[in-house]
């Protein structure tokens, strides 16, 4: 606990970013020794810069009370803190020279359980881009892979939505702290991702969304994944930055081509023509290039509970047949209005057959 609080305090000092933080901790064999170091020791290690660095550590000491508050705020809100030195720290991200010193996350506990692919693209996407993301996630549903994106409008949102719909784990990399949702219209998706994957940020919980944070967020999207796929991008945009950062990390970058006269395809076409991305025509190419493995097949059989009336059985049949559909989609399949379906779902929940979740999702319990 003390080590984490000390690292939070270090990162609050201007000029002590993740790289310098790690260098200092390494030079002193741990944050505790760094905080206890005397001026003469800093002068001996860093000569002329010793006094400057020593003063920064004194500033960090003054931040310890605030850092402790942040630590306990995270505990209170079930936000976990993962240090660069933890065994559970994302292995792909750890290989990046500018990896975050600390990441704050909520959701599922484990990292490093499957290959990761970041899917990025323009906020102002077309039906073509949305269809591509939908098809890619549907074709990946039987493979052990996690979908990463940035919870922005457009391609990002579609990547998260279709990952969840196809029972794939998804990570959202935030450009702000966990106490904020941006954009606010994505609050339902925010909660769904927490249940199905992870919300990840290098920013402490109270950090507000600013335009300066999102480029920093993009390096984590690129760094945490094994590969990055750009679906649609204008000639300039955040997804191109993410792709180029991924290239700088020596990661695979894929791009889907589009019409030469389409503004939304100019970025992807440019990446391909500059040999900054591999041209991808289908999800089968992604599966082959990433050497993805199929999920283990389970023989669990879901049965209709006893004691249901005919209408309840009919609803239950649809839920079992379409386990990743939400209540609106089940309503359409059954040609049943939402109020009537909600009544049936409430009864099924009381009978222990299902559980209703955030975002109109349904979990089968038996």
Protein backbone atom coordinates (compact mmCIF):
# COMPACT_ATOMS: atom_id res chain seq x y z
CA UNK A 1 0.00 0.00 0.00
CA UNK A 2 2.77 2.46 0.98
CA UNK A 3 4.63 1.87 -2.30
CA UNK A 4 1.52 2.67 -4.35
CA UNK A 5 0.81 5.86 -2.36
CA UNK A 6 4.41 6.98 -2.85
CA UNK A 7 4.18 6.35 -6.59
CA UNK A 8 0.94 8.36 -6.80
CA UNK A 9 2.71 11.22 -4.98
CA UNK A 10 5.70 11.10 -7.36
CA UNK A 11 3.45 11.27 -10.41
CA UNK A 12 1.72 14.38 -9.05
CA UNK A 13 4.99 16.35 -9.28
CA UNK A 14 5.48 18.28 -12.51
CA UNK A 15 8.44 16.92 -14.45
CA UNK A 16 8.34 13.45 -12.89
CA UNK A 17 6.50 11.42 -15.52
CA UNK A 18 6.42 7.61 -15.71
CA UNK A 19 9.88 7.24 -17.26
CA UNK A 20 11.64 9.47 -14.71
CA UNK A 21 9.64 7.93 -11.90
CA UNK A 22 10.91 4.45 -12.82
CA UNK A 23 14.48 5.71 -13.23
CA UNK A 24 14.52 7.26 -9.75
CA UNK A 25 12.89 4.26 -8.09
CA UNK A 26 15.43 1.98 -9.79
CA UNK A 27 18.38 4.19 -8.75
CA UNK A 28 17.27 4.06 -5.11
CA UNK A 29 16.09 0.40 -5.10
CA UNK A 30 12.53 1.35 -4.26
CA UNK A 31 10.27 4.34 -3.54
CA UNK A 32 10.79 4.13 0.24
CA UNK A 33 14.56 4.61 -0.07
CA UNK A 34 13.96 7.39 -2.62
CA UNK A 35 11.77 9.32 -0.17
CA UNK A 36 14.28 8.81 2.67
CA UNK A 37 17.31 9.90 0.59
CA UNK A 38 19.43 12.83 1.86
CA UNK A 39 20.59 15.72 -0.32
CA UNK A 40 24.21 14.51 -0.32
CA UNK A 41 23.09 11.18 -1.78
CA UNK A 42 21.22 12.92 -4.62
CA UNK A 43 24.26 15.13 -5.27
CA UNK A 44 26.51 12.07 -5.39
CA UNK A 45 24.22 10.25 -7.82
CA UNK A 46 23.24 13.12 -10.13
CA UNK A 47 25.97 15.77 -9.56
CA UNK A 48 24.68 19.17 -10.78
CA UNK A 49 21.08 17.92 -11.11
CA UNK A 50 21.08 16.45 -7.62
CA UNK A 51 19.61 19.53 -5.90
CA UNK A 52 16.88 19.88 -8.55
CA UNK A 53 15.83 16.24 -8.23
CA UNK A 54 16.04 16.36 -4.43
CA UNK A 55 13.64 19.33 -4.43
CA UNK A 56 11.18 17.41 -6.60
CA UNK A 57 11.20 14.55 -4.09
CA UNK A 58 10.46 17.07 -1.31
CA UNK A 59 7.48 18.24 -3.37
CA UNK A 60 6.38 14.59 -3.71
CA UNK A 61 6.54 14.21 0.07
CA UNK A 62 4.10 17.11 0.39
CA UNK A 63 1.74 15.23 -1.95
CA UNK A 64 1.65 12.09 0.22
CA UNK A 65 -1.53 13.14 2.05
CA UNK A 66 -3.35 13.78 -1.24
CA UNK A 67 -1.97 10.53 -2.63
CA UNK A 68 -3.31 8.63 0.38
CA UNK A 69 -6.75 10.17 -0.19
CA UNK A 70 -6.67 9.03 -3.82
CA UNK A 71 -5.69 5.51 -2.75
CA UNK A 72 -8.58 5.17 -0.31
CA UNK A 73 -10.99 6.82 -2.76
CA UNK A 74 -10.11 4.02 -5.21
CA UNK A 75 -10.67 1.36 -2.55
CA UNK A 76 -14.05 2.87 -1.65
CA UNK A 77 -15.18 2.89 -5.30
CA UNK A 78 -13.75 -0.54 -6.20
CA UNK A 79 -11.15 0.99 -8.53
CA UNK A 80 -8.02 -1.11 -8.55
CA UNK A 81 -4.49 0.26 -8.97
CA UNK A 82 -1.88 -1.73 -10.87
CA UNK A 83 1.78 -0.70 -10.66
CA UNK A 84 4.38 -1.17 -13.38
CA UNK A 85 6.15 -3.51 -10.95
CA UNK A 86 3.15 -5.81 -10.41
CA UNK A 87 3.22 -9.24 -12.03
CA UNK A 88 -0.32 -8.62 -13.31
CA UNK A 89 0.65 -5.46 -15.23
CA UNK A 90 -0.31 -5.83 -18.96
CA UNK A 91 2.71 -7.52 -20.55
CA UNK A 92 2.40 -5.80 -23.95
CA UNK A 93 2.14 -2.37 -22.34
CA UNK A 94 5.13 -3.03 -20.12
CA UNK A 95 7.34 -3.36 -23.20
CA UNK A 96 6.65 0.29 -24.17
CA UNK A 97 9.28 2.79 -23.02
CA UNK A 98 6.63 5.34 -22.00
CA UNK A 99 4.23 2.90 -20.32
CA UNK A 100 2.17 4.36 -17.45
CA UNK A 101 3.69 3.89 -14.01
CA UNK A 102 0.24 3.22 -12.58
CA UNK A 103 -3.03 2.22 -14.19
CA UNK A 104 -6.40 2.60 -12.50
CA UNK A 105 -8.98 0.05 -13.59
CA UNK A 106 -12.36 -1.40 -12.75
CA UNK A 107 -14.06 -4.54 -13.98
CA UNK A 108 -12.64 -8.02 -14.36
CA UNK A 109 -9.51 -8.70 -12.34
CA UNK A 110 -7.17 -10.46 -14.76
CA UNK A 111 -4.92 -9.03 -17.45
CA UNK A 112 -2.88 -11.10 -19.90
CA UNK A 113 -5.58 -13.77 -20.37
CA UNK A 114 -5.92 -13.44 -24.17
CA UNK A 115 -4.44 -11.64 -27.21
CA UNK A 116 -5.71 -8.08 -27.62
CA UNK A 117 -6.62 -6.14 -30.76
CA UNK A 118 -7.33 -2.41 -30.68
CA UNK A 119 -10.08 -1.30 -33.06
CA UNK A 120 -10.03 2.43 -33.77
CA UNK A 121 -11.49 4.86 -36.26
CA UNK A 122 -13.27 8.13 -36.82
CA UNK A 123 -16.08 9.42 -34.60
CA UNK A 124 -17.92 10.56 -37.73
CA UNK A 125 -18.11 7.07 -39.20
CA UNK A 126 -20.24 5.81 -42.09
CA UNK A 127 -22.61 2.86 -42.35
CA UNK A 128 -19.76 1.10 -44.18
CA UNK A 129 -17.48 1.44 -41.14
CA UNK A 130 -20.18 0.33 -38.70
CA UNK A 131 -20.95 -2.72 -40.85
CA UNK A 132 -17.29 -3.70 -40.95
CA UNK A 133 -16.91 -3.53 -37.17
CA UNK A 134 -20.11 -5.55 -36.72
CA UNK A 135 -18.90 -8.26 -39.14
CA UNK A 136 -15.39 -8.42 -37.65
CA UNK A 137 -16.64 -8.87 -34.08
CA UNK A 138 -19.21 -11.45 -35.20
CA UNK A 139 -16.48 -13.44 -36.97
CA UNK A 140 -14.18 -13.25 -33.93
CA UNK A 141 -16.80 -14.42 -31.43
CA UNK A 142 -15.48 -18.00 -31.31
CA UNK A 143 -11.85 -16.91 -30.82
CA UNK A 144 -9.90 -16.10 -27.69
CA UNK A 145 -9.35 -12.37 -28.22
CA UNK A 146 -10.07 -9.13 -26.36
CA UNK A 147 -11.28 -5.99 -28.13
CA UNK A 148 -9.72 -2.68 -27.05
CA UNK A 149 -10.94 0.82 -27.93
CA UNK A 150 -11.37 4.31 -26.51
CA UNK A 151 -15.11 4.65 -25.72
CA UNK A 152 -15.44 7.58 -28.13
CA UNK A 153 -18.38 8.02 -30.49
CA UNK A 154 -18.42 6.18 -33.81
CA UNK A 155 -16.06 3.28 -34.44
CA UNK A 156 -14.95 3.04 -30.79
CA UNK A 157 -18.50 2.67 -29.47
CA UNK A 158 -19.33 0.15 -32.20
CA UNK A 159 -16.26 -1.93 -31.30
CA UNK A 160 -17.29 -2.11 -27.62
CA UNK A 161 -20.96 -2.74 -28.42
CA UNK A 162 -20.32 -5.54 -30.91
CA UNK A 163 -17.68 -7.13 -28.70
CA UNK A 164 -20.18 -7.42 -25.85
CA UNK A 165 -22.91 -8.60 -28.21
CA UNK A 166 -20.63 -11.41 -29.40
CA UNK A 167 -19.52 -12.40 -25.91
CA UNK A 168 -16.00 -10.99 -26.34
CA UNK A 169 -14.15 -9.26 -23.52
CA UNK A 170 -13.60 -5.55 -24.18
CA UNK A 171 -11.35 -2.92 -22.62
CA UNK A 172 -12.07 0.81 -22.77
CA UNK A 173 -9.04 3.10 -22.38
CA UNK A 174 -10.19 6.37 -20.85
CA UNK A 175 -8.83 9.87 -21.38
CA UNK A 176 -10.01 10.89 -17.88
CA UNK A 177 -10.59 9.48 -14.42
CA UNK A 178 -13.16 6.86 -13.44
CA UNK A 179 -15.44 9.38 -11.73
CA UNK A 180 -16.30 10.88 -15.11
CA UNK A 181 -18.03 9.47 -18.20
CA UNK A 182 -17.19 10.99 -21.57
CA UNK A 183 -19.20 11.39 -23.64
CA UNK A 184 -22.01 11.32 -21.08
CA UNK A 185 -24.36 9.60 -23.52
CA UNK A 186 -22.18 6.48 -23.16
CA UNK A 187 -23.06 5.89 -19.50
CA UNK A 188 -24.88 2.61 -20.25
CA UNK A 189 -21.90 1.36 -22.25
CA UNK A 190 -19.57 2.48 -19.44
CA UNK A 191 -21.40 0.16 -17.03
CA UNK A 192 -21.65 -2.68 -19.53
CA UNK A 193 -17.90 -2.63 -20.15
CA UNK A 194 -17.27 -2.73 -16.41
CA UNK A 195 -19.30 -5.96 -16.28
CA UNK A 196 -17.82 -7.53 -19.43
CA UNK A 197 -14.22 -6.35 -19.35
CA UNK A 198 -12.28 -3.37 -18.01
CA UNK A 199 -12.29 0.41 -17.82
CA UNK A 200 -8.64 1.50 -17.78
CA UNK A 201 -7.03 4.89 -17.16
CA UNK A 202 -3.65 6.26 -16.14
CA UNK A 203 -5.42 9.27 -14.63
CA UNK A 204 -6.53 9.44 -11.00
CA UNK A 205 -10.33 9.09 -10.53
CA UNK A 206 -11.21 12.81 -10.34
CA UNK A 207 -9.31 13.83 -13.52
CA UNK A 208 -11.70 15.59 -15.92
CA UNK A 209 -11.71 14.96 -19.71
CA UNK A 210 -9.49 17.47 -21.54
CA UNK A 211 -8.18 17.61 -25.09
CA UNK A 212 -4.63 17.13 -23.76
CA UNK A 213 -5.45 13.77 -22.14
CA UNK A 214 -6.71 11.93 -25.21
CA UNK A 215 -3.42 11.84 -27.16
CA UNK A 216 -1.83 10.33 -24.02
CA UNK A 217 -4.70 7.83 -23.90
CA UNK A 218 -3.96 6.82 -27.52
CA UNK A 219 -0.50 5.50 -26.65
CA UNK A 220 -2.10 3.07 -24.18
CA UNK A 221 -4.60 1.89 -26.81
CA UNK A 222 -1.63 1.20 -29.10
CA UNK A 223 0.66 -0.21 -26.42
CA UNK A 224 -1.64 -2.56 -24.54
CA UNK A 225 -2.66 -4.52 -27.65
CA UNK A 226 -0.87 -7.05 -29.83
CA UNK A 227 -2.20 -5.31 -32.95
CA UNK A 228 -4.16 -2.21 -33.96
CA UNK A 229 -6.87 -2.17 -36.63
CA UNK A 230 -7.90 1.14 -38.22
CA UNK A 231 -11.38 0.76 -39.72
CA UNK A 232 -12.14 4.26 -40.98
CA UNK A 233 -10.08 7.42 -40.64
CA UNK A 234 -9.95 10.86 -42.14
CA UNK A 235 -6.65 12.19 -43.43
CA UNK A 236 -5.90 13.54 -39.97
CA UNK A 237 -7.22 12.19 -36.72
CA UNK A 238 -6.61 10.38 -33.46
CA UNK A 239 -6.75 6.92 -35.01
CA UNK A 240 -3.80 7.76 -37.29
CA UNK A 241 -1.85 8.91 -34.24
CA UNK A 242 -2.69 5.61 -32.54
CA UNK A 243 -1.56 3.65 -35.61
CA UNK A 244 1.75 5.52 -35.80
CA UNK A 245 2.39 5.05 -32.10
CA UNK A 246 1.72 1.32 -32.56
CA UNK A 247 4.28 1.29 -35.37
CA UNK A 248 6.81 3.02 -33.10
CA UNK A 249 6.27 0.19 -30.60
CA UNK A 250 6.93 -2.32 -33.40
CA UNK A 251 3.35 -3.62 -33.19
CA UNK A 252 1.26 -4.95 -36.08
CA UNK A 253 -0.99 -2.32 -37.64
CA UNK A 254 -3.88 -3.27 -39.94
CA UNK A 255 -6.08 -0.98 -42.02
CA UNK A 256 -9.20 -1.55 -44.09
CA UNK A 257 -9.15 0.21 -47.47
CA UNK A 258 -12.02 2.30 -48.78
CA UNK A 259 -13.10 4.38 -51.75
CA UNK A 260 -10.46 6.83 -52.95
CA UNK A 261 -12.99 9.68 -52.97
CA UNK A 262 -14.29 8.97 -49.46
CA UNK A 263 -13.04 11.37 -46.75
CA UNK A 264 -13.46 8.61 -44.17
CA UNK A 265 -11.09 6.31 -46.07
CA UNK A 266 -8.27 8.75 -46.78
CA UNK A 267 -6.46 7.92 -43.54
CA UNK A 268 -6.60 4.14 -44.01
CA UNK A 269 -5.61 4.37 -47.67
CA UNK A 270 -2.69 6.61 -46.71
CA UNK A 271 -1.47 4.19 -44.04
CA UNK A 272 -1.56 1.35 -46.57
CA UNK A 273 0.14 3.29 -49.38
CA UNK A 274 2.90 4.46 -46.98
CA UNK A 275 3.49 0.87 -45.80
CA UNK A 276 2.45 1.90 -42.30
CA UNK A 277 -0.32 -0.71 -42.16
CA UNK A 278 -1.15 -4.08 -43.68
CA UNK A 279 -4.18 -4.06 -45.96
CA UNK A 280 -6.96 -6.16 -44.43
CA UNK A 281 -9.88 -7.45 -46.50
CA UNK A 282 -11.49 -9.80 -43.99
CA UNK A 283 -11.50 -10.93 -40.38
CA UNK A 284 -10.01 -14.28 -41.48
CA UNK A 285 -6.80 -12.39 -42.29
CA UNK A 286 -6.74 -10.95 -38.77
CA UNK A 287 -7.25 -14.43 -37.30
CA UNK A 288 -4.37 -15.78 -39.39
CA UNK A 289 -1.96 -12.88 -38.81
CA UNK A 290 -2.58 -12.80 -35.04
CA UNK A 291 -2.60 -16.62 -34.86
CA UNK A 292 -5.80 -16.53 -32.81
CA UNK A 293 -6.99 -19.73 -31.16
CA UNK A 294 -10.61 -20.83 -30.86
CA UNK A 295 -12.28 -20.67 -27.47
CA UNK A 296 -12.58 -23.91 -25.57
CA UNK A 297 -15.94 -25.55 -26.26
CA UNK A 298 -18.13 -26.05 -23.20
CA UNK A 299 -20.84 -28.67 -23.01
CA UNK A 300 -23.06 -26.70 -20.65
CA UNK A 301 -26.70 -27.07 -21.64
CA UNK A 302 -29.19 -24.37 -20.69
CA UNK A 303 -32.65 -25.73 -19.93
CA UNK A 304 -36.06 -24.13 -19.51
CA UNK A 305 -36.89 -23.93 -15.77
CA UNK A 306 -39.99 -25.73 -14.54
CA UNK A 307 -43.10 -23.90 -13.42
CA UNK A 308 -43.27 -21.38 -16.26
CA UNK A 309 -46.46 -20.60 -18.17
CA UNK A 310 -46.54 -20.73 -21.98
CA UNK A 311 -45.72 -17.05 -22.48
CA UNK A 312 -42.80 -17.23 -20.06
CA UNK A 313 -41.50 -20.36 -21.81
CA UNK A 314 -41.73 -18.58 -25.17
CA UNK A 315 -39.73 -15.63 -23.84
CA UNK A 316 -37.19 -17.96 -22.21
CA UNK A 317 -36.71 -19.89 -25.47
CA UNK A 318 -35.77 -16.67 -27.26
CA UNK A 319 -33.37 -15.58 -24.51
CA UNK A 320 -31.60 -18.96 -24.63
CA UNK A 321 -31.48 -18.93 -28.45
CA UNK A 322 -30.09 -15.37 -28.52
CA UNK A 323 -28.01 -15.08 -25.30
CA UNK A 324 -26.24 -11.85 -26.30
CA UNK A 325 -29.36 -9.94 -27.35
CA UNK A 326 -30.68 -7.10 -25.20
CA UNK A 327 -34.30 -6.56 -24.16
CA UNK A 328 -35.11 -4.34 -27.16
CA UNK A 329 -33.83 -7.00 -29.58
CA UNK A 330 -35.72 -9.79 -27.78
CA UNK A 331 -38.84 -7.63 -27.92
CA UNK A 332 -38.46 -7.32 -31.71
CA UNK A 333 -37.91 -11.07 -32.13
CA UNK A 334 -41.05 -11.84 -30.13
CA UNK A 335 -43.15 -9.05 -31.70
CA UNK A 336 -43.96 -8.09 -28.11
CA UNK A 337 -44.15 -4.50 -26.89
CA UNK A 338 -41.51 -3.41 -24.39
CA UNK A 339 -43.92 -3.01 -21.44
CA UNK A 340 -45.32 -6.52 -21.85
CA UNK A 341 -41.83 -8.01 -22.24
CA UNK A 342 -40.57 -6.13 -19.17
CA UNK A 343 -43.39 -7.65 -17.13
CA UNK A 344 -42.45 -11.15 -18.34
CA UNK A 345 -38.75 -10.54 -17.65
CA UNK A 346 -39.47 -9.32 -14.13
CA UNK A 347 -41.45 -12.51 -13.45
CA UNK A 348 -38.63 -14.66 -14.85
CA UNK A 349 -36.14 -12.81 -12.64
CA UNK A 350 -38.31 -13.41 -9.55
CA UNK A 351 -38.45 -17.12 -10.47
CA UNK A 352 -34.64 -17.23 -10.62
CA UNK A 353 -34.38 -17.94 -14.35
CA UNK A 354 -32.59 -14.73 -15.39
CA UNK A 355 -30.97 -11.58 -14.05
CA UNK A 356 -31.54 -8.18 -15.65
CA UNK A 357 -28.32 -6.17 -16.05
CA UNK A 358 -27.26 -2.64 -17.02
CA UNK A 359 -27.79 -1.63 -20.64
CA UNK A 360 -30.86 -3.84 -21.07
CA UNK A 361 -28.71 -7.00 -21.02
CA UNK A 362 -30.06 -10.35 -19.79
CA UNK A 363 -28.05 -12.98 -17.95
CA UNK A 364 -29.31 -16.61 -17.91
CA UNK A 365 -28.93 -18.10 -14.43
CA UNK A 366 -29.65 -21.81 -14.83
